[in-house]
């Protein structure tokens, strides 16, 4: 700005030619190029910092979800967790990459400009200094509710996501009962509520920007009026009598630059409110205390024939009291244990404790050094992707021959060979495109590919026809013949007959255990 003021002063007062003008012009072009490069560098550094922060936060969220475990995660809707992991973490970008950087510039740039203006005219500097605090003050007053609005908006988005996912998952049931139109109206109403909340938030953001523009324009106009009357000699006091064309031009050029950082900050004020609301939601998730007993695991002796041992173990659920135990149970290598009992007896809870999904409230859980497990229930986890993608979840290095062998052993080999795309055939989330029996056999093939010494089966043949049940039972027998330990929670006599040990539960307690190896 100093160079530009000198250039204009030289042209107007001295009628400068090329010899006079070009040094100032060259200096201006050079400084503009340097300013552009510094601006680009600042933006790149801010984006890198934001990216590193978001990667770190996403990693912490994933680690925390893993620490909470699958049982605790059932208290959260999948869509809400996905929204927090994607949208709320992404909302931090505006604060780090834009607002935080601009805050530092606001504290530095106006101060430097104020010193330059005071060097030329202390009264003009006072005018700028008096009007500057009014801008953030009124901006804060107008935007005081922005954080609360953004918090409500994030809650509305999470609720809308969960609502939409639930309706999509249950679309078949809705159509069967003729409830499709009603469900559509519910989704439309939820989306319209989100639209209104978004517009209310944007209205507040635009209002804060308008307030800033108004006060900065008034301040610049006051300075311009002062400079104009000062140059005309109509202000007979203070430094106005010493104003020159150069100093007046310099102050007029610096006045907009004085307010520019504040203007830019107002544009990013909405990013701050969004980031604070997102951070509050993420902090609430990260503040959830995991089950301390879940990771309180004691090692078994290296030469122990056991894989897992429960000693006086109990399990309690909030609002339900004790649901399991006290229970003593040993799982030997090569063991096949069938667990039976009425619904609600604690069969699934026992499997979850053996897997380490929940911790023992009292007692101990001891595991072998090499213990890891495979899990299969009546609704196996199948992801959207190819058959090969689902198989390699447990064996990332498995080749096509190994996958086909596992499918043959699970009774799916002939079906996959008949498919035009074979292992590359795509299926939907939850096994869409497969029948219930085919999904179970695909999950069984995945277990064959894994090297887990312990296989936990929770009602694996529920809701299946007898032919498919026999195929799965044959597969389970193959697993047992490989020396793997099987723990099966079931009501089916055919599966119960597989066990060399039978454990009957009632109200979370052991009623009977039939084998000479029962603890």
Foldseek 3Di string as FASTA:
>chain_A
DLLVLVLVCCCVVVVDDCVVRVVSVVVVVVVVVVVVVVVVVLLVVLQVVLVVQLVVLLVLLVVLDVLQFDVNCVVDQPLLSVCLSPVLSVLLSLCRNAQVVLVVVLVPVLVVLLVVLCVLFVVLSVLLVVLVVVLVVVLCVLCVCLLVLLLVLSVLSSVLRSLVVVCVVCVVVCVVVVNVVVSVVVSVVSVVVSVVSVVVSVVSLVVSLVSNVVSLVVSLVVLLVLQVCLVVVVDVDGCSVVDDSSSSVSSSVCSVVSSVSVSSSSNSVSSVSNNVSSVVVSVVSSPDDHQPQLPVEAEDDQPDQFFKWWALFWDQDPPGGTQADRDTFTFGFLFEEEEEEDPSLCQVVVLCCLQSSHGGPDTHMYGYPPAHEAEAELQDWDAWFFLVVRLCVQPVPDDPVLLLVLLVLLVCNVVLVPDPVRRRDTAHGSRHVDDSLVVLSSSLSSVVNHPHLEYEYEARCPPHDPVSVVSVVSSVVVSSVVRGYYYYYHDDPVSNVPGQKYFYGGSNDTDDIDHPPGD
